C-alpha atoms as a PDB file:
ATOM      1  CA  MET A   1      95.961 113.012 105.042  1.00  0.00           C
ATOM      2  CA  HIS A   2      99.430 113.214 106.516  1.00  0.00           C
ATOM      3  CA  TYR A   3      98.850 109.922 108.211  1.00  0.00           C
ATOM      4  CA  LEU A   4      97.742 108.162 104.988  1.00  0.00           C
ATOM      5  CA  LEU A   5     100.731 109.444 103.326  1.00  0.00           C
ATOM      6  CA  LYS A   6     103.160 108.080 105.830  1.00  0.00           C
ATOM      7  CA  LEU A   7     101.702 104.608 105.145  1.00  0.00           C
ATOM      8  CA  ILE A   8     102.425 104.844 101.638  1.00  0.00           C
ATOM      9  CA  ILE A   9     105.657 106.634 101.668  1.00  0.00           C
ATOM     10  CA  ARG A  10     107.767 105.639 104.946  1.00  0.00           C
ATOM     11  CA  PRO A  11     109.882 108.252 106.862  1.00  0.00           C
ATOM     12  CA  GLY A  12     113.542 107.401 106.097  1.00  0.00           C
ATOM     13  CA  THR A  13     113.067 105.676 102.818  1.00  0.00           C
ATOM     14  CA  GLU A  14     111.275 108.474 100.965  1.00  0.00           C
ATOM     15  CA  LEU A  15     113.282 107.830  97.650  1.00  0.00           C
ATOM     16  CA  ALA A  16     112.903 104.277  97.334  1.00  0.00           C
ATOM     17  CA  ASP A  17     109.135 104.363  98.200  1.00  0.00           C
ATOM     18  CA  SER A  18     108.635 107.163  95.749  1.00  0.00           C
ATOM     19  CA  CYS A  19     110.408 105.320  92.979  1.00  0.00           C
ATOM     20  CA  PHE A  20     108.331 102.166  93.707  1.00  0.00           C
ATOM     21  CA  LEU A  21     105.104 104.338  93.876  1.00  0.00           C
ATOM     22  CA  ILE A  22     105.839 105.913  90.355  1.00  0.00           C
ATOM     23  CA  LEU A  23     106.550 102.474  89.025  1.00  0.00           C
ATOM     24  CA  ALA A  24     103.358 101.108  90.432  1.00  0.00           C
ATOM     25  CA  PHE A  25     101.456 103.822  88.929  1.00  0.00           C
ATOM     26  CA  ILE A  26     103.101 103.006  85.553  1.00  0.00           C
ATOM     27  CA  VAL A  27     102.280  99.316  85.487  1.00  0.00           C
ATOM     28  CA  GLY A  28      98.918  99.512  87.298  1.00  0.00           C
ATOM     29  CA  GLY A  29      97.849 102.435  85.288  1.00  0.00           C
ATOM     30  CA  GLY A  30      98.853 100.886  82.152  1.00  0.00           C
ATOM     31  CA  ALA A  31      96.868  97.839  82.873  1.00  0.00           C
ATOM     32  CA  GLY A  32      93.761  99.855  83.937  1.00  0.00           C
ATOM     33  CA  ALA A  33      93.855 102.228  80.782  1.00  0.00           C
ATOM     34  CA  LEU A  34      93.765  98.892  78.794  1.00  0.00           C
ATOM     35  CA  LEU A  35      90.874  97.667  80.470  1.00  0.00           C
ATOM     36  CA  ALA A  36      89.188 101.099  80.367  1.00  0.00           C
ATOM     37  CA  HIS A  37      89.908 100.980  76.645  1.00  0.00           C
ATOM     38  CA  LYS A  38      88.550  97.620  75.995  1.00  0.00           C
ATOM     39  CA  ILE A  39      85.654  97.241  78.575  1.00  0.00           C
ATOM     40  CA  SER A  40      84.729 100.627  80.224  1.00  0.00           C
ATOM     41  CA  LEU A  41      86.020 103.264  82.036  1.00  0.00           C
ATOM     42  CA  GLY A  42      84.081 102.561  85.029  1.00  0.00           C
ATOM     43  CA  ILE A  43      86.018  99.247  85.315  1.00  0.00           C
ATOM     44  CA  GLY A  44      89.360 100.579  84.193  1.00  0.00           C
ATOM     45  CA  LEU A  45      89.807 103.326  86.721  1.00  0.00           C
ATOM     46  CA  PRO A  46      89.020 101.365  89.781  1.00  0.00           C
ATOM     47  CA  PHE A  47      91.345  98.568  88.671  1.00  0.00           C
ATOM     48  CA  ALA A  48      94.164 101.029  87.927  1.00  0.00           C
ATOM     49  CA  LEU A  49      94.038 102.516  91.456  1.00  0.00           C
ATOM     50  CA  PHE A  50      93.738  99.000  93.255  1.00  0.00           C
ATOM     51  CA  ALA A  51      96.432  97.432  91.070  1.00  0.00           C
ATOM     52  CA  SER A  52      98.665 100.535  91.734  1.00  0.00           C
ATOM     53  CA  LEU A  53      98.079 100.205  95.395  1.00  0.00           C
ATOM     54  CA  VAL A  54      98.584  96.593  95.669  1.00  0.00           C
ATOM     55  CA  LEU A  55     101.870  96.652  93.461  1.00  0.00           C
ATOM     56  CA  HIS A  56     103.338  99.354  95.606  1.00  0.00           C
ATOM     57  CA  LEU A  57     102.791  97.551  98.776  1.00  0.00           C
ATOM     58  CA  MET A  58     103.952  94.337  97.497  1.00  0.00           C
ATOM     59  CA  TRP A  59     107.008  95.692  95.737  1.00  0.00           C
ATOM     60  CA  ARG A  60     108.198  97.938  98.720  1.00  0.00           C
ATOM     61  CA  THR A  61     108.075  95.044 101.449  1.00  0.00           C
ATOM     62  CA  PRO A  62     108.480  91.590  99.605  1.00  0.00           C
ATOM     63  CA  ASN A  63     109.196  89.487 102.569  1.00  0.00           C
ATOM     64  CA  ARG A  64     106.458  90.696 104.789  1.00  0.00           C
ATOM     65  CA  LYS A  65     103.648  88.193 105.613  1.00  0.00           C
ATOM     66  CA  LEU A  66     100.096  89.245 105.184  1.00  0.00           C
END
């Protein structure tokens, strides 16, 4: 669990990564909540989790090549 947390929040940039993570949960969770309300909860919740993770990883390292 500690290893997974170190992948999401890097040592040395805890404040910036935490802020990006909170912002990603707000945006991704909002989109997922909208999908859950309009379509179904089974689609909205996985979308919210996946969108939040993708947004967090994209926003914290914008110049990284995949």
